[in-house]
Amino acid sequence: MVRDDLCITIPSFFRCPISLDVMKSPVSLCTGVTYDRSSIQRWLDDGNNTCPATMQVLQSKEFVPNLTLQRLIRIWTDSVRRPIESAGSPAAKSVPSQDQVVDAVRDLEGTSGNTLYSLAGILSFAEESEENREFLANIAGLVPLLVGFLDNVDGGITRSVEFLEKAVRALGLVINKAKDDETLRHSIVKSQQGNCLASLLLVLQRGSSDSKIASAKILKFAAMDVESKILIAEKEGLIHELLKMTTSDKDAMLIENGLSCLVAISTPKRNKARLIHLGAVKKLSELLSESKWSVSITENVLKLLEMVSTTKEGRLQICEDPTCLASILQKVLKVSNVATEHAVTILWSVCYLFRDQKAQEAVTKANGLTKILLLMQSNCSPGVRQMCADLLKIFRVNSKSCLSCYHTKTTHIMPF
């Protein structure tokens, strides 16, 4: 990004105390010292419990984004990049031509040349435009070659995390445009040496935000059937890392792609059980309680909660968390028709189908009956209206209000 040999002075507090590079995602520990997120995460993941700069024992390993510093770094970066790029400096980003990309692919296929440099060129080309991604997807052998790099982590050239990140990001950009996608999915989940999932897990653990997003997209693409979904979930640590992507202090794009991937792989009952065991209900409840997220994030959170509500353990955790049920009710009529349907289905499952007393009390306390009545008067789908009628039928038993005038007849089946 910025070269010291151009006599550009980098402010010292822009550098990460661990890597000494300009920070991309500055976060602060409880000691007040700021580090780049990826560097401090690796330090903590290695089992350290001290602040690297002060060596103080950490009372908490949580960290918070330093948004002010991040804005300052972005402003400074933009200010030094413009004159460099306008002067035609080698530091300026250079997008390869189509011929150069074809040559780079040949270099990757061979054993000579700088593979990291060639891969970086291909990635730069892919990031430039949709047309470029179409061009790359049509180069014979490129997509299988990128998958092969993820599988061959222990052979040939030493596969550093940096190399894997570039391979994953390039693959994530072109994978949905590749031909013979069924074979490609199979090669990712059941790779020859069994290392593809391990490589994607490593990138989820140690990669940048962009790399993690690409990994989640590849995993979602590969989750084509029940067997594939189970194999992905059985990779030790993988669901845990996807859940970590969804914590509320993360970037919205990171959260959205983590949730989308979890929705894709969590259809099998055993995968839902893994999610529940890892505390997914609590994490999803925390996300749902915040109002800052996009419609798609809220829909995916509710979809995951709906999926886990089909299991006894999932319903138990939802019902024992009154905050969760209150947050679900808050999203009724406020987000989208899709979100409303997911929310009502969860309430119908725990309150009507399985008659959980705690859930019924929590819904009543959160003024849920009023919302259900309002929803029935709205332009909702027939399925949602029937579930609302079923819910009123349950609550009128203990109510002396006007709800007693509602008489319903259930004719539908459980909408899972």
Protein backbone atom coordinates (compact mmCIF):
# COMPACT_ATOMS: atom_id res chain seq x y z
CA MET A 1 0.00 0.00 0.00
CA VAL A 2 2.61 2.56 1.08
CA ARG A 3 6.31 2.18 0.44
CA ASP A 4 8.93 3.44 2.84
CA ASP A 5 11.44 3.81 -0.01
CA LEU A 6 9.30 6.64 -1.37
CA CYS A 7 10.12 8.62 1.79
CA ILE A 8 6.55 8.52 3.02
CA THR A 9 6.49 8.63 6.79
CA ILE A 10 3.93 6.35 8.39
CA PRO A 11 2.62 7.69 11.73
CA SER A 12 3.81 5.29 14.42
CA PHE A 13 0.38 4.90 16.00
CA PHE A 14 -0.97 3.64 12.64
CA ARG A 15 1.30 0.60 12.90
CA CYS A 16 0.27 -2.58 14.70
CA PRO A 17 2.65 -3.18 17.67
CA ILE A 18 2.85 -6.85 16.66
CA SER A 19 3.22 -6.86 12.86
CA LEU A 20 4.50 -3.24 12.55
CA ASP A 21 2.31 -2.92 9.44
CA VAL A 22 -0.37 -0.27 8.96
CA MET A 23 -3.48 -1.58 10.69
CA LYS A 24 -6.42 -2.64 8.51
CA SER A 25 -8.88 -3.32 11.33
CA PRO A 26 -7.66 -1.69 14.57
CA VAL A 27 -9.12 -3.08 17.81
CA SER A 28 -8.37 -2.17 21.42
CA LEU A 29 -7.78 -4.52 24.34
CA CYS A 30 -8.90 -3.83 27.90
CA THR A 31 -5.40 -2.40 28.54
CA GLY A 32 -6.14 0.41 26.07
CA VAL A 33 -3.50 -0.72 23.56
CA THR A 34 -4.65 -0.99 19.93
CA TYR A 35 -3.62 -3.79 17.57
CA ASP A 36 -4.59 -5.01 14.12
CA ARG A 37 -7.44 -7.51 14.59
CA SER A 38 -5.76 -10.40 12.74
CA SER A 39 -2.49 -9.98 14.67
CA ILE A 40 -3.99 -9.85 18.16
CA GLN A 41 -6.41 -12.68 17.31
CA ARG A 42 -3.46 -14.92 16.39
CA TRP A 43 -1.71 -13.92 19.63
CA LEU A 44 -4.75 -14.84 21.71
CA ASP A 45 -5.45 -18.01 19.72
CA ASP A 46 -1.92 -19.18 20.52
CA GLY A 47 -2.92 -19.32 24.20
CA ASN A 48 -1.40 -16.05 25.39
CA ASN A 49 -3.24 -14.16 28.15
CA THR A 50 -1.16 -10.98 28.28
CA CYS A 51 -1.10 -7.71 26.38
CA PRO A 52 1.85 -8.00 23.94
CA ALA A 53 2.90 -4.36 24.37
CA THR A 54 2.60 -4.02 28.16
CA MET A 55 2.75 -7.72 29.18
CA GLN A 56 -0.10 -7.07 31.62
CA VAL A 57 -2.30 -10.07 32.33
CA LEU A 58 -5.59 -9.53 30.50
CA GLN A 59 -8.67 -9.38 32.70
CA SER A 60 -10.72 -9.95 29.54
CA LYS A 61 -9.73 -11.21 26.10
CA GLU A 62 -12.54 -9.27 24.43
CA PHE A 63 -11.60 -6.38 22.14
CA VAL A 64 -13.56 -3.52 20.62
CA PRO A 65 -13.12 -1.86 17.21
CA ASN A 66 -11.24 1.43 17.31
CA LEU A 67 -13.42 3.16 14.73
CA THR A 68 -11.85 6.58 15.20
CA LEU A 69 -8.37 5.28 14.44
CA GLN A 70 -9.72 3.25 11.52
CA ARG A 71 -11.19 6.43 9.98
CA LEU A 72 -7.92 8.31 10.49
CA ILE A 73 -5.96 5.52 8.81
CA ARG A 74 -8.39 5.49 5.89
CA ILE A 75 -8.12 9.27 5.43
CA TRP A 76 -4.32 9.13 5.62
CA THR A 77 -4.14 6.17 3.22
CA ASP A 78 -6.29 7.94 0.65
CA SER A 79 -4.21 11.10 0.95
CA VAL A 80 -0.91 9.33 0.22
CA ARG A 81 -2.30 6.97 -2.43
CA ARG A 82 -3.58 9.67 -4.79
CA PRO A 83 -0.26 11.39 -5.57
CA ILE A 84 1.48 8.01 -5.92
CA GLU A 85 -1.10 6.66 -8.36
CA SER A 86 -1.20 9.90 -10.37
CA ALA A 87 2.58 9.78 -10.75
CA GLY A 88 2.42 6.29 -12.22
CA SER A 89 4.43 4.81 -9.36
CA PRO A 90 4.99 1.03 -9.17
CA ALA A 91 3.12 1.24 -5.87
CA ALA A 92 -0.08 2.05 -7.74
CA LYS A 93 -2.52 -0.82 -8.21
CA SER A 94 -2.06 -2.30 -11.67
CA VAL A 95 -4.74 -4.55 -13.13
CA PRO A 96 -3.33 -7.14 -15.57
CA SER A 97 -4.65 -7.46 -19.11
CA GLN A 98 -6.44 -10.59 -20.31
CA ASP A 99 -3.26 -11.82 -22.01
CA GLN A 100 -1.26 -11.27 -18.83
CA VAL A 101 -3.86 -13.21 -16.83
CA VAL A 102 -3.66 -16.14 -19.25
CA ASP A 103 0.14 -16.10 -18.81
CA ALA A 104 -0.31 -15.97 -15.02
CA VAL A 105 -2.52 -19.07 -15.17
CA ARG A 106 0.20 -20.87 -17.17
CA ASP A 107 2.72 -19.88 -14.49
CA LEU A 108 0.47 -21.34 -11.81
CA GLU A 109 0.16 -24.58 -13.75
CA GLY A 110 3.94 -24.88 -14.05
CA THR A 111 6.55 -25.38 -11.37
CA SER A 112 8.60 -22.30 -12.13
CA GLY A 113 7.90 -18.65 -11.59
CA ASN A 114 6.53 -16.69 -8.65
CA THR A 115 3.21 -18.36 -7.96
CA LEU A 116 2.25 -15.88 -5.25
CA TYR A 117 2.83 -12.99 -7.67
CA SER A 118 0.82 -14.73 -10.42
CA LEU A 119 -2.02 -15.50 -8.03
CA ALA A 120 -2.05 -11.88 -6.81
CA GLY A 121 -2.41 -10.73 -10.43
CA ILE A 122 -5.32 -13.07 -11.06
CA LEU A 123 -7.01 -11.87 -7.87
CA SER A 124 -6.52 -8.22 -8.84
CA PHE A 125 -8.04 -8.94 -12.26
CA ALA A 126 -11.03 -10.75 -10.71
CA GLU A 127 -11.75 -7.92 -8.28
CA GLU A 128 -11.90 -5.35 -11.07
CA SER A 129 -15.21 -6.26 -12.74
CA GLU A 130 -17.93 -8.84 -13.33
CA GLU A 131 -16.76 -9.19 -16.92
CA ASN A 132 -13.28 -10.14 -15.70
CA ARG A 133 -14.72 -12.80 -13.42
CA GLU A 134 -16.65 -14.29 -16.33
CA PHE A 135 -13.42 -14.34 -18.36
CA LEU A 136 -11.54 -16.15 -15.59
CA ALA A 137 -14.29 -18.74 -15.11
CA ASN A 138 -14.01 -19.61 -18.80
CA ILE A 139 -10.25 -20.26 -18.67
CA ALA A 140 -10.00 -24.03 -18.85
CA GLY A 141 -8.59 -25.58 -15.70
CA LEU A 142 -8.29 -22.41 -13.59
CA VAL A 143 -11.06 -23.13 -11.07
CA PRO A 144 -9.97 -26.77 -10.48
CA LEU A 145 -6.41 -25.45 -10.15
CA LEU A 146 -7.46 -23.06 -7.37
CA VAL A 147 -9.27 -25.90 -5.60
CA GLY A 148 -6.13 -27.99 -6.01
CA PHE A 149 -4.08 -25.33 -4.23
CA LEU A 150 -6.38 -25.62 -1.23
CA ASP A 151 -6.08 -29.40 -1.26
CA ASN A 152 -2.31 -29.54 -1.77
CA VAL A 153 -1.36 -27.56 1.35
CA ASP A 154 1.52 -29.83 2.27
CA GLY A 155 3.05 -30.49 -1.10
CA GLY A 156 5.02 -28.59 -3.70
CA ILE A 157 5.34 -24.94 -2.81
CA THR A 158 4.92 -24.08 0.85
CA ARG A 159 1.37 -22.81 1.22
CA SER A 160 1.51 -19.85 3.55
CA VAL A 161 -1.68 -18.35 4.95
CA GLU A 162 -1.12 -15.41 2.60
CA PHE A 163 -1.08 -17.76 -0.40
CA LEU A 164 -4.19 -19.60 0.78
CA GLU A 165 -6.02 -16.31 1.34
CA LYS A 166 -5.36 -15.21 -2.24
CA ALA A 167 -6.42 -18.59 -3.60
CA VAL A 168 -9.61 -18.55 -1.53
CA ARG A 169 -10.50 -14.98 -2.48
CA ALA A 170 -9.93 -15.66 -6.19
CA LEU A 171 -11.97 -18.87 -6.00
CA GLY A 172 -14.75 -17.13 -4.09
CA LEU A 173 -15.11 -14.54 -6.87
CA VAL A 174 -15.43 -17.02 -9.76
CA ILE A 175 -16.85 -20.19 -8.21
CA ASN A 176 -20.51 -19.42 -8.95
CA LYS A 177 -19.68 -18.86 -12.62
CA ALA A 178 -17.75 -22.10 -13.11
CA LYS A 179 -19.01 -24.88 -15.38
CA ASP A 180 -19.57 -28.44 -14.13
CA ASP A 181 -20.37 -27.09 -10.67
CA GLU A 182 -21.48 -30.47 -9.31
CA THR A 183 -18.02 -31.95 -9.87
CA LEU A 184 -16.47 -28.83 -8.38
CA ARG A 185 -18.62 -29.09 -5.24
CA HIS A 186 -17.67 -32.73 -4.88
CA SER A 187 -13.95 -31.92 -5.21
CA ILE A 188 -14.14 -29.33 -2.42
CA VAL A 189 -15.97 -31.50 0.12
CA LYS A 190 -14.30 -34.79 -0.81
CA SER A 191 -10.92 -33.50 -1.99
CA GLN A 192 -8.30 -36.03 -3.01
CA GLN A 193 -6.02 -35.40 -0.05
CA GLY A 194 -8.79 -34.20 2.27
CA ASN A 195 -7.22 -30.79 2.83
CA CYS A 196 -9.70 -28.40 1.18
CA LEU A 197 -11.90 -28.07 4.25
CA ALA A 198 -8.77 -27.79 6.42
CA SER A 199 -7.51 -24.91 4.27
CA LEU A 200 -10.85 -23.12 4.40
CA LEU A 201 -10.89 -23.58 8.19
CA LEU A 202 -7.37 -22.13 8.45
CA VAL A 203 -8.43 -19.06 6.48
CA LEU A 204 -11.50 -18.66 8.71
CA GLN A 205 -9.21 -18.81 11.76
CA ARG A 206 -6.36 -16.59 10.59
CA GLY A 207 -7.40 -14.76 7.45
CA SER A 208 -8.60 -11.23 6.78
CA SER A 209 -12.30 -10.31 6.68
CA ASP A 210 -12.36 -10.53 2.87
CA SER A 211 -10.78 -13.99 3.00
CA LYS A 212 -13.25 -15.22 5.63
CA ILE A 213 -16.15 -13.98 3.52
CA ALA A 214 -14.76 -15.84 0.51
CA SER A 215 -14.35 -19.03 2.57
CA ALA A 216 -17.97 -18.82 3.72
CA LYS A 217 -19.13 -18.37 0.11
CA ILE A 218 -17.16 -21.42 -1.01
CA LEU A 219 -18.56 -23.55 1.82
CA LYS A 220 -22.10 -22.41 0.99
CA PHE A 221 -21.50 -23.32 -2.66
CA ALA A 222 -20.20 -26.76 -1.68
CA ALA A 223 -23.17 -27.58 0.59
CA MET A 224 -25.15 -29.20 -2.21
CA ASP A 225 -26.78 -32.15 -0.42
CA VAL A 226 -27.21 -33.69 3.01
CA GLU A 227 -23.98 -35.66 2.80
CA SER A 228 -21.94 -32.59 1.86
CA LYS A 229 -23.52 -30.53 4.63
CA ILE A 230 -22.72 -33.20 7.21
CA LEU A 231 -19.11 -33.53 6.02
CA ILE A 232 -18.64 -29.76 6.24
CA ALA A 233 -20.14 -29.58 9.74
CA GLU A 234 -18.08 -32.54 10.94
CA LYS A 235 -14.84 -30.68 10.20
CA GLU A 236 -13.76 -29.88 13.75
CA GLY A 237 -13.88 -26.17 14.49
CA LEU A 238 -15.56 -25.10 11.25
CA ILE A 239 -19.05 -24.31 12.59
CA HIS A 240 -17.39 -22.62 15.57
CA GLU A 241 -15.49 -20.27 13.25
CA LEU A 242 -18.60 -19.51 11.21
CA LEU A 243 -20.42 -18.63 14.42
CA LYS A 244 -17.55 -16.33 15.43
CA MET A 245 -18.14 -14.45 12.18
CA THR A 246 -21.64 -13.57 13.40
CA THR A 247 -20.76 -11.84 16.68
CA SER A 248 -22.18 -8.31 16.85
CA ASP A 249 -18.83 -6.48 16.92
CA LYS A 250 -17.96 -7.80 13.46
CA ASP A 251 -18.41 -6.17 10.06
CA ALA A 252 -21.92 -6.47 8.58
CA MET A 253 -20.66 -8.26 5.45
CA LEU A 254 -18.80 -10.76 7.64
CA ILE A 255 -21.94 -11.40 9.69
CA GLU A 256 -24.20 -11.74 6.66
CA ASN A 257 -21.97 -14.27 4.89
CA GLY A 258 -21.40 -16.27 8.07
CA LEU A 259 -25.16 -16.49 8.68
CA SER A 260 -25.90 -17.35 5.05
CA CYS A 261 -23.39 -20.20 5.16
CA LEU A 262 -24.79 -21.53 8.44
CA VAL A 263 -28.31 -21.53 6.97
CA ALA A 264 -27.04 -23.52 3.99
CA ILE A 265 -25.32 -26.24 6.02
CA SER A 266 -27.69 -26.56 8.98
CA THR A 267 -30.57 -28.51 7.43
CA PRO A 268 -29.49 -31.95 8.80
CA LYS A 269 -30.63 -32.58 12.37
CA ARG A 270 -27.13 -33.41 13.60
CA ASN A 271 -25.83 -30.10 12.24
CA LYS A 272 -28.56 -28.22 14.13
CA ALA A 273 -27.49 -30.08 17.26
CA ARG A 274 -23.89 -28.87 16.75
CA LEU A 275 -25.12 -25.30 16.38
CA ILE A 276 -27.16 -25.50 19.56
CA HIS A 277 -24.30 -27.11 21.49
CA LEU A 278 -22.00 -24.24 20.48
CA GLY A 279 -24.39 -21.65 21.92
CA ALA A 280 -25.92 -20.46 18.65
CA VAL A 281 -29.26 -19.51 20.21
CA LYS A 282 -27.65 -17.02 22.58
CA LYS A 283 -25.50 -15.50 19.83
CA LEU A 284 -28.48 -15.21 17.48
CA SER A 285 -30.58 -13.68 20.24
CA GLU A 286 -27.91 -11.03 20.83
CA LEU A 287 -27.81 -10.21 17.11
CA LEU A 288 -31.59 -10.02 16.91
CA SER A 289 -31.82 -7.62 19.85
CA GLU A 290 -29.89 -4.97 17.90
CA SER A 291 -31.72 -2.82 15.37
CA LYS A 292 -28.75 -1.74 13.25
CA TRP A 293 -28.59 -4.76 10.95
CA SER A 294 -29.83 -5.06 7.38
CA VAL A 295 -33.00 -6.88 6.35
CA SER A 296 -31.03 -9.86 5.00
CA ILE A 297 -29.10 -10.29 8.26
CA THR A 298 -32.34 -10.21 10.30
CA GLU A 299 -33.99 -12.70 7.93
CA ASN A 300 -31.06 -15.11 8.21
CA VAL A 301 -30.99 -14.85 12.02
CA LEU A 302 -34.71 -15.65 12.17
CA LYS A 303 -34.30 -18.47 9.64
CA LEU A 304 -31.60 -20.09 11.78
CA LEU A 305 -33.74 -19.74 14.91
CA GLU A 306 -36.63 -21.31 13.02
CA MET A 307 -34.38 -24.21 12.02
CA VAL A 308 -33.17 -24.88 15.57
CA SER A 309 -36.73 -24.57 16.88
CA THR A 310 -37.50 -27.86 15.11
CA THR A 311 -35.36 -29.68 17.72
CA LYS A 312 -36.19 -30.24 21.37
CA GLU A 313 -32.89 -28.73 22.57
CA GLY A 314 -33.33 -25.69 20.35
CA ARG A 315 -36.85 -25.02 21.59
CA LEU A 316 -35.69 -25.41 25.17
CA GLN A 317 -32.97 -22.78 24.75
CA ILE A 318 -35.31 -20.40 22.93
CA CYS A 319 -37.97 -20.76 25.62
CA GLU A 320 -35.50 -20.28 28.46
CA ASP A 321 -34.34 -17.00 26.94
CA PRO A 322 -37.17 -14.45 27.32
CA THR A 323 -34.99 -11.86 25.57
CA CYS A 324 -34.91 -14.08 22.50
CA LEU A 325 -38.69 -14.41 22.30
CA ALA A 326 -39.17 -10.68 22.92
CA SER A 327 -36.69 -9.89 20.11
CA ILE A 328 -38.51 -12.27 17.77
CA LEU A 329 -41.79 -10.48 18.50
CA GLN A 330 -40.17 -7.11 17.82
CA LYS A 331 -39.38 -8.19 14.26
CA VAL A 332 -42.98 -9.07 13.43
CA LEU A 333 -44.39 -6.50 10.95
CA LYS A 334 -41.20 -4.41 11.15
CA VAL A 335 -38.69 -6.00 8.76
CA SER A 336 -40.09 -7.90 5.77
CA ASN A 337 -42.69 -10.51 4.86
CA VAL A 338 -39.97 -13.18 4.94
CA ALA A 339 -38.83 -12.13 8.42
CA THR A 340 -42.43 -12.06 9.65
CA GLU A 341 -43.04 -15.60 8.41
CA HIS A 342 -39.89 -16.91 10.12
CA ALA A 343 -40.80 -15.11 13.37
CA VAL A 344 -44.40 -16.36 13.45
CA THR A 345 -43.28 -19.91 12.64
CA ILE A 346 -40.93 -19.90 15.65
CA LEU A 347 -43.68 -18.60 17.95
CA TRP A 348 -46.17 -21.12 16.53
CA SER A 349 -43.68 -23.94 17.07
CA VAL A 350 -42.84 -23.22 20.70
CA CYS A 351 -46.22 -21.87 21.89
CA TYR A 352 -48.79 -23.85 19.90
CA LEU A 353 -47.22 -27.03 18.57
CA PHE A 354 -45.18 -27.84 21.68
CA ARG A 355 -47.23 -25.86 24.22
CA ASP A 356 -44.28 -24.52 26.18
CA GLN A 357 -45.61 -22.64 29.22
CA LYS A 358 -42.55 -20.39 29.59
CA ALA A 359 -42.77 -19.36 25.95
CA GLN A 360 -46.47 -18.57 26.25
CA GLU A 361 -45.83 -16.44 29.33
CA ALA A 362 -42.94 -14.61 27.62
CA VAL A 363 -45.08 -13.85 24.56
CA THR A 364 -47.92 -12.55 26.73
CA LYS A 365 -45.55 -10.39 28.78
CA ALA A 366 -44.06 -8.89 25.60
CA ASN A 367 -47.55 -7.85 24.40
CA GLY A 368 -47.40 -10.52 21.74
CA LEU A 369 -51.18 -10.96 21.49
CA THR A 370 -51.67 -7.42 20.23
CA LYS A 371 -49.06 -7.97 17.51
CA ILE A 372 -50.64 -11.26 16.50
CA LEU A 373 -54.03 -9.53 16.17
CA LEU A 374 -52.52 -6.73 14.10
CA LEU A 375 -50.76 -9.24 11.90
CA MET A 376 -54.01 -11.11 11.23
CA GLN A 377 -55.54 -7.85 10.00
CA SER A 378 -52.59 -7.17 7.68
CA ASN A 379 -51.97 -8.47 4.19
CA CYS A 380 -50.09 -11.54 5.41
CA SER A 381 -49.93 -14.90 3.68
CA PRO A 382 -52.61 -17.57 4.34
CA GLY A 383 -50.05 -19.72 6.17
CA VAL A 384 -49.05 -16.91 8.53
CA ARG A 385 -52.71 -16.00 9.15
CA GLN A 386 -53.50 -19.60 10.07
CA MET A 387 -50.57 -19.83 12.48
CA CYS A 388 -51.68 -16.57 14.11
CA ALA A 389 -55.18 -17.99 14.50
CA ASP A 390 -53.72 -21.08 16.15
CA LEU A 391 -51.75 -18.90 18.56
CA LEU A 392 -54.87 -16.92 19.50
CA LYS A 393 -56.67 -20.19 20.06
CA ILE A 394 -54.04 -21.16 22.65
CA PHE A 395 -54.00 -17.82 24.44
CA ARG A 396 -57.77 -17.36 24.64
CA VAL A 397 -57.96 -20.28 27.09
CA ASN A 398 -56.41 -18.12 29.78
CA SER A 399 -57.83 -14.82 28.62
CA LYS A 400 -61.09 -13.08 29.48
CA SER A 401 -60.53 -10.44 26.83
CA CYS A 402 -62.04 -10.16 23.40
CA LEU A 403 -59.73 -12.96 22.29
CA SER A 404 -62.36 -15.45 23.41
CA CYS A 405 -64.47 -14.55 20.40
CA TYR A 406 -61.88 -16.01 18.02
CA HIS A 407 -62.76 -19.51 16.85
CA THR A 408 -60.24 -21.19 14.58
CA LYS A 409 -59.79 -24.52 12.93
CA THR A 410 -56.29 -25.82 12.16
CA THR A 411 -55.97 -27.56 8.82
CA HIS A 412 -52.32 -26.98 7.94
CA ILE A 413 -49.24 -28.99 8.75
CA MET A 414 -46.07 -27.86 10.47
CA PRO A 415 -44.31 -25.51 8.00
CA PHE A 416 -40.74 -26.87 8.25
